[in-house]
N, C-alpha and C. Protein backbone atom coordinates (compact mmCIF):
# COMPACT_ATOMS: atom_id res chain seq x y z
N MET A 1 -0.64 -28.39 7.22
CA MET A 1 -0.02 -27.53 7.55
C MET A 1 0.10 -26.61 5.71
N LYS A 2 0.39 -25.31 5.62
CA LYS A 2 0.39 -25.06 4.73
C LYS A 2 1.82 -24.83 3.95
N ALA A 3 2.55 -24.69 4.76
CA ALA A 3 4.56 -24.88 3.90
C ALA A 3 5.20 -24.83 4.92
N ASN A 4 6.48 -25.20 4.45
CA ASN A 4 7.53 -24.91 4.82
C ASN A 4 8.42 -24.19 4.86
N ILE A 5 8.78 -23.31 6.36
CA ILE A 5 9.17 -22.06 6.09
C ILE A 5 10.84 -22.13 6.74
N LEU A 6 11.61 -21.95 6.60
CA LEU A 6 12.99 -22.17 7.03
C LEU A 6 13.64 -20.47 7.80
N ILE A 7 13.76 -19.99 8.79
CA ILE A 7 14.01 -18.46 9.40
C ILE A 7 15.87 -19.05 9.96
N ILE A 8 16.82 -18.51 9.30
CA ILE A 8 17.67 -18.58 9.52
C ILE A 8 18.42 -17.12 10.27
N ASP A 9 18.76 -17.11 11.49
CA ASP A 9 18.82 -15.74 12.04
C ASP A 9 19.86 -16.23 13.47
N ASP A 10 21.30 -15.20 13.78
CA ASP A 10 21.96 -15.97 14.68
C ASP A 10 21.42 -15.23 15.94
N GLU A 11 20.40 -14.65 15.60
CA GLU A 11 19.63 -14.11 17.27
C GLU A 11 18.65 -14.95 17.70
N GLU A 12 18.81 -15.83 18.28
CA GLU A 12 17.64 -16.48 18.90
C GLU A 12 16.24 -16.34 19.24
N SER A 13 16.35 -14.57 19.76
CA SER A 13 14.80 -14.29 20.08
C SER A 13 14.12 -13.95 18.54
N ILE A 14 14.96 -13.63 17.65
CA ILE A 14 14.04 -13.62 15.96
C ILE A 14 13.75 -14.94 15.95
N ARG A 15 14.35 -15.70 15.86
CA ARG A 15 13.93 -17.25 15.31
C ARG A 15 12.68 -17.59 16.01
N PHE A 16 12.80 -17.44 17.82
CA PHE A 16 11.73 -17.81 18.41
C PHE A 16 10.57 -17.25 18.18
N SER A 17 10.61 -15.91 18.04
CA SER A 17 9.17 -14.66 17.66
C SER A 17 8.91 -15.13 16.71
N PHE A 18 9.80 -15.30 15.29
CA PHE A 18 9.01 -15.41 13.97
C PHE A 18 8.35 -17.04 14.00
N SER A 19 9.09 -17.70 14.96
CA SER A 19 8.50 -19.41 14.68
C SER A 19 7.26 -19.51 15.06
N ARG A 20 7.40 -18.79 15.93
CA ARG A 20 5.87 -19.13 17.16
C ARG A 20 4.91 -18.14 16.46
N PHE A 21 5.19 -16.99 15.57
CA PHE A 21 4.20 -16.40 14.64
C PHE A 21 3.76 -17.02 13.69
N LEU A 22 4.53 -17.89 12.95
CA LEU A 22 4.16 -18.29 11.74
C LEU A 22 3.52 -19.97 12.01
N VAL A 23 4.16 -20.50 13.10
CA VAL A 23 3.39 -22.09 13.45
C VAL A 23 2.05 -21.64 13.82
N ALA A 24 1.67 -20.06 14.39
CA ALA A 24 0.23 -19.77 14.59
C ALA A 24 -0.21 -19.39 13.98
N GLU A 25 0.40 -19.15 12.55
CA GLU A 25 -0.41 -18.78 10.78
C GLU A 25 -0.26 -20.30 10.66
N GLY A 26 -0.18 -21.19 10.92
CA GLY A 26 -0.39 -22.65 10.15
C GLY A 26 0.67 -23.25 9.63
N TYR A 27 2.08 -22.79 9.65
CA TYR A 27 2.91 -22.70 8.62
C TYR A 27 4.16 -23.77 9.61
N ASN A 28 4.40 -24.88 8.90
CA ASN A 28 5.92 -25.19 9.41
C ASN A 28 7.17 -24.95 9.49
N VAL A 29 7.23 -24.55 10.50
CA VAL A 29 8.48 -23.67 10.69
C VAL A 29 9.97 -24.29 11.34
N ILE A 30 11.07 -23.96 10.53
CA ILE A 30 12.39 -24.97 10.73
C ILE A 30 13.27 -23.79 11.19
N THR A 31 14.13 -23.88 12.05
CA THR A 31 14.81 -22.89 12.24
C THR A 31 16.33 -22.88 12.59
N ALA A 32 17.44 -22.29 11.97
CA ALA A 32 18.83 -22.63 11.83
C ALA A 32 19.45 -21.17 12.35
N LYS A 33 20.41 -21.34 12.82
CA LYS A 33 21.18 -20.36 13.67
C LYS A 33 22.65 -20.14 13.05
N GLY A 34 22.61 -20.32 11.58
CA GLY A 34 23.88 -20.16 10.92
C GLY A 34 23.67 -20.78 9.56
N TYR A 35 24.76 -20.57 9.09
CA TYR A 35 24.84 -21.11 7.45
C TYR A 35 24.71 -22.54 7.18
N ARG A 36 25.74 -23.16 7.86
CA ARG A 36 26.32 -24.53 7.80
C ARG A 36 24.91 -25.39 8.28
N GLU A 37 24.28 -24.92 9.54
CA GLU A 37 23.15 -25.68 10.07
C GLU A 37 21.92 -25.49 9.04
N ALA A 38 21.89 -24.33 8.32
CA ALA A 38 21.08 -23.89 7.18
C ALA A 38 20.89 -24.95 6.21
N LEU A 39 21.86 -24.99 5.10
CA LEU A 39 22.28 -26.14 4.58
C LEU A 39 22.05 -27.45 5.05
N ALA A 40 22.15 -27.82 6.39
CA ALA A 40 21.99 -29.15 6.53
C ALA A 40 20.24 -29.48 6.77
N ARG A 41 19.32 -28.04 7.18
CA ARG A 41 17.91 -28.16 6.88
C ARG A 41 17.89 -28.37 5.60
N MET A 42 18.12 -27.66 4.75
CA MET A 42 17.87 -27.88 3.21
C MET A 42 18.37 -29.03 2.60
N ASP A 43 19.06 -29.96 2.82
CA ASP A 43 19.47 -30.96 2.81
C ASP A 43 18.27 -31.86 3.23
N GLU A 44 17.64 -31.47 4.09
CA GLU A 44 16.78 -32.85 4.91
C GLU A 44 15.15 -32.52 4.31
N VAL A 45 15.26 -30.77 4.47
CA VAL A 45 13.42 -30.38 3.96
C VAL A 45 13.13 -29.45 2.89
N GLU A 46 12.65 -29.84 2.37
CA GLU A 46 11.90 -28.94 0.91
C GLU A 46 11.03 -27.85 1.68
N PHE A 47 11.95 -26.62 1.37
CA PHE A 47 11.32 -25.27 1.79
C PHE A 47 10.43 -24.28 1.07
N LYS A 48 9.25 -24.16 1.16
CA LYS A 48 8.75 -23.35 0.22
C LYS A 48 9.13 -21.71 0.31
N LEU A 49 9.76 -21.14 1.69
CA LEU A 49 10.38 -20.39 1.38
C LEU A 49 11.45 -20.19 2.64
N ILE A 50 12.15 -19.43 2.44
CA ILE A 50 13.48 -19.31 3.61
C ILE A 50 13.55 -17.83 3.81
N LEU A 51 13.69 -17.18 5.14
CA LEU A 51 13.97 -15.61 5.66
C LEU A 51 15.05 -16.01 6.46
N ALA A 52 16.26 -15.03 5.90
CA ALA A 52 17.63 -15.54 5.71
C ALA A 52 18.03 -14.36 6.30
N ASP A 53 18.69 -13.82 7.35
CA ASP A 53 19.77 -13.09 7.98
C ASP A 53 20.48 -12.52 6.78
N ILE A 54 21.11 -11.50 6.88
CA ILE A 54 22.44 -11.26 6.18
C ILE A 54 23.95 -11.79 6.62
N ILE A 55 23.60 -11.32 7.97
CA ILE A 55 25.14 -11.47 8.71
C ILE A 55 24.68 -12.51 9.74
N LEU A 56 25.13 -13.55 9.62
CA LEU A 56 25.40 -15.06 10.40
C LEU A 56 26.87 -15.09 10.57
N ASP A 57 27.14 -15.92 12.18
CA ASP A 57 27.84 -16.43 12.69
C ASP A 57 28.74 -17.03 11.66
N ASP A 58 28.60 -17.70 10.52
CA ASP A 58 29.39 -18.63 9.97
C ASP A 58 29.23 -18.57 8.70
N GLY A 59 28.98 -17.32 8.19
CA GLY A 59 28.48 -17.09 6.51
C GLY A 59 27.52 -15.87 6.31
N TRP A 60 27.40 -16.31 5.25
CA TRP A 60 26.42 -14.68 4.92
C TRP A 60 24.77 -15.31 4.25
N GLY A 61 23.97 -14.24 4.60
CA GLY A 61 22.44 -15.07 4.00
C GLY A 61 22.47 -14.66 2.19
N ILE A 62 23.33 -13.70 1.65
CA ILE A 62 23.34 -14.07 0.60
C ILE A 62 24.01 -15.30 -0.10
N ASP A 63 24.71 -16.21 0.53
CA ASP A 63 25.38 -17.13 -0.16
C ASP A 63 24.10 -18.52 -0.08
N ILE A 64 23.18 -18.42 1.07
CA ILE A 64 21.64 -18.82 0.87
C ILE A 64 21.03 -18.73 -0.36
N LEU A 65 20.87 -17.79 -0.98
CA LEU A 65 20.49 -17.27 -2.33
C LEU A 65 21.12 -18.05 -3.45
N GLN A 66 22.50 -17.90 -3.07
CA GLN A 66 23.62 -18.69 -4.16
C GLN A 66 23.62 -20.26 -4.10
N GLU A 67 23.16 -20.87 -2.89
CA GLU A 67 23.13 -22.39 -2.78
C GLU A 67 21.46 -22.30 -3.41
N VAL A 68 20.18 -21.82 -3.50
CA VAL A 68 18.97 -22.03 -3.75
C VAL A 68 19.14 -22.06 -5.27
N MET A 69 19.96 -20.94 -5.71
CA MET A 69 20.23 -20.93 -7.10
C MET A 69 20.95 -22.14 -7.74
N TRP A 70 22.16 -22.64 -7.05
CA TRP A 70 22.61 -23.62 -7.51
C TRP A 70 21.78 -24.80 -7.61
N ARG A 71 21.18 -25.24 -6.42
CA ARG A 71 20.82 -26.36 -5.98
C ARG A 71 19.42 -26.36 -7.07
N ASN A 72 19.26 -25.29 -7.46
CA ASN A 72 17.89 -24.85 -8.50
C ASN A 72 16.47 -25.29 -8.14
N LEU A 73 16.33 -24.91 -6.56
CA LEU A 73 15.27 -25.15 -6.08
C LEU A 73 13.92 -24.11 -6.54
N LYS A 74 13.03 -24.46 -6.09
CA LYS A 74 11.40 -23.68 -6.57
C LYS A 74 11.65 -23.24 -4.89
N THR A 75 12.89 -22.32 -4.44
CA THR A 75 12.02 -21.88 -2.94
C THR A 75 11.91 -20.26 -3.01
N SER A 76 11.41 -19.59 -2.57
CA SER A 76 11.51 -17.94 -2.50
C SER A 76 11.99 -17.73 -1.44
N VAL A 77 13.26 -16.58 -1.19
CA VAL A 77 14.28 -15.99 0.20
C VAL A 77 13.61 -14.82 0.22
N ILE A 78 13.30 -14.64 1.34
CA ILE A 78 13.76 -13.40 1.87
C ILE A 78 14.87 -12.69 2.76
N ILE A 79 15.12 -11.72 2.18
CA ILE A 79 16.53 -11.69 3.01
C ILE A 79 16.28 -10.46 3.98
N MET A 80 16.57 -10.59 5.28
CA MET A 80 16.58 -9.65 6.46
C MET A 80 18.11 -9.05 7.13
N THR A 81 17.95 -7.81 7.54
CA THR A 81 19.31 -7.41 8.05
C THR A 81 18.72 -6.40 8.63
N ALA A 82 19.98 -6.15 9.87
CA ALA A 82 19.57 -4.34 10.58
C ALA A 82 20.57 -3.59 10.16
N TYR A 83 21.41 -3.83 9.32
CA TYR A 83 22.40 -3.11 8.43
C TYR A 83 22.54 -3.06 6.61
N PRO A 84 21.37 -2.35 6.74
CA PRO A 84 21.07 -2.38 5.18
C PRO A 84 22.25 -1.43 4.85
N SER A 85 22.07 -2.26 3.47
CA SER A 85 23.27 -1.13 2.07
C SER A 85 23.09 -1.19 0.78
N THR A 86 23.31 -0.40 -0.24
CA THR A 86 22.92 -0.28 -1.15
C THR A 86 23.78 -1.92 -1.84
N GLU A 87 24.95 -2.50 -1.49
CA GLU A 87 25.26 -3.33 -2.24
C GLU A 87 24.74 -4.51 -1.90
N THR A 88 24.12 -4.73 -0.77
CA THR A 88 23.62 -5.96 -0.16
C THR A 88 22.43 -6.16 -0.97
N THR A 89 21.08 -5.13 -0.79
CA THR A 89 20.54 -4.86 -1.77
C THR A 89 20.51 -5.25 -2.92
N GLN A 90 21.40 -4.89 -3.63
CA GLN A 90 21.40 -5.06 -5.29
C GLN A 90 21.73 -6.54 -5.28
N ASP A 91 22.94 -6.82 -4.62
CA ASP A 91 23.25 -8.48 -4.25
C ASP A 91 22.01 -9.57 -4.35
N SER A 92 21.02 -8.91 -3.64
CA SER A 92 19.84 -9.90 -2.75
C SER A 92 19.00 -9.90 -4.08
N PHE A 93 18.54 -8.89 -4.79
CA PHE A 93 17.41 -9.04 -5.88
C PHE A 93 18.15 -9.15 -6.89
N ARG A 94 19.70 -9.23 -7.44
CA ARG A 94 20.49 -9.76 -8.79
C ARG A 94 20.46 -11.41 -8.40
N MET A 95 20.39 -12.18 -7.28
CA MET A 95 19.67 -13.12 -7.14
C MET A 95 18.95 -13.58 -6.63
N HIS A 96 17.55 -12.91 -6.82
CA HIS A 96 16.19 -13.39 -7.03
C HIS A 96 15.56 -12.98 -5.36
N ALA A 97 16.18 -12.79 -4.49
CA ALA A 97 15.47 -12.50 -3.72
C ALA A 97 13.74 -11.96 -3.85
N VAL A 98 13.13 -12.38 -2.89
CA VAL A 98 11.44 -11.88 -3.20
C VAL A 98 11.54 -10.81 -2.60
N ASP A 99 11.98 -10.38 -1.08
CA ASP A 99 11.87 -8.83 -0.89
C ASP A 99 13.46 -8.88 -0.10
N TYR A 100 13.95 -7.62 0.29
CA TYR A 100 14.69 -7.02 1.28
C TYR A 100 14.40 -6.68 2.54
N LEU A 101 14.39 -6.61 3.99
CA LEU A 101 13.42 -6.60 5.05
C LEU A 101 14.45 -5.65 6.22
N VAL A 102 14.15 -4.68 6.50
CA VAL A 102 15.28 -4.00 7.41
C VAL A 102 14.67 -4.07 9.08
N LYS A 103 15.31 -4.94 9.73
CA LYS A 103 14.86 -5.32 10.83
C LYS A 103 15.10 -3.76 12.01
N PRO A 104 14.42 -3.47 12.88
CA PRO A 104 13.50 -4.27 13.47
C PRO A 104 12.26 -4.32 12.36
N LEU A 105 11.46 -5.77 12.75
CA LEU A 105 10.47 -5.72 11.25
C LEU A 105 9.12 -5.91 12.18
N ARG A 106 8.04 -5.07 12.02
CA ARG A 106 6.97 -5.23 12.14
C ARG A 106 6.09 -6.74 11.66
N GLN A 107 5.00 -7.29 12.69
CA GLN A 107 4.39 -8.50 12.05
C GLN A 107 3.88 -7.55 11.09
N ALA A 108 3.17 -6.51 10.61
CA ALA A 108 2.70 -6.87 9.57
C ALA A 108 3.15 -6.46 8.42
N ALA A 109 4.57 -6.04 8.43
CA ALA A 109 5.41 -5.87 7.03
C ALA A 109 5.65 -7.41 7.04
N LEU A 110 6.54 -8.25 7.90
CA LEU A 110 6.27 -9.60 7.63
C LEU A 110 5.45 -10.77 7.00
N VAL A 111 4.14 -10.27 7.50
CA VAL A 111 2.93 -11.05 6.46
C VAL A 111 3.03 -10.59 4.85
N THR A 112 3.15 -9.33 4.79
CA THR A 112 2.77 -8.86 3.30
C THR A 112 4.03 -9.26 2.78
N SER A 113 5.34 -9.51 3.64
CA SER A 113 6.51 -9.97 2.53
C SER A 113 6.43 -11.24 1.97
N ILE A 114 5.69 -11.80 3.31
CA ILE A 114 5.69 -13.84 2.89
C ILE A 114 4.55 -14.07 2.06
N ASN A 115 3.06 -13.27 1.94
CA ASN A 115 2.33 -13.55 1.05
C ASN A 115 3.23 -12.84 -0.07
N LYS A 116 3.31 -11.93 -0.48
CA LYS A 116 4.36 -11.63 -1.97
C LYS A 116 5.29 -13.21 -2.57
N ALA A 117 5.96 -13.44 -1.14
CA ALA A 117 6.82 -14.05 -1.62
C ALA A 117 5.94 -15.93 -2.21
N PHE A 118 4.74 -15.94 -1.45
CA PHE A 118 3.75 -16.96 -1.60
C PHE A 118 3.07 -16.87 -3.36
N GLN A 119 3.26 -15.51 -3.87
CA GLN A 119 2.53 -15.60 -5.23
C GLN A 119 3.53 -15.12 -6.31
N HIS A 120 4.58 -15.44 -5.67
CA HIS A 120 6.02 -15.00 -6.45
C HIS A 120 5.63 -16.76 -7.55
């Protein structure tokens, strides 16, 4: 396996499709549908990369960035959203997100972003 990747999204179809694609690429993928579940996964496994949706049922993807900073993890974070805004873009990059992607995502854009994250 290349690396552990955590996908956090409240939409099951996104978790499933991203996971399926990334597993086929050789990554070890774990998913979480919300903020609390993501924190539990982060307690269990060390992740090289986290893909986090901004709007979650029980929190915000931006809070995942804060958690990575507080825990002093060497984890790259890519923020995803279907509802981009200047504020969330600025907050994401201020907290060291590697990328900020707007849904719907094409597979090629996801691959480019992941490659960028692993070179970070």
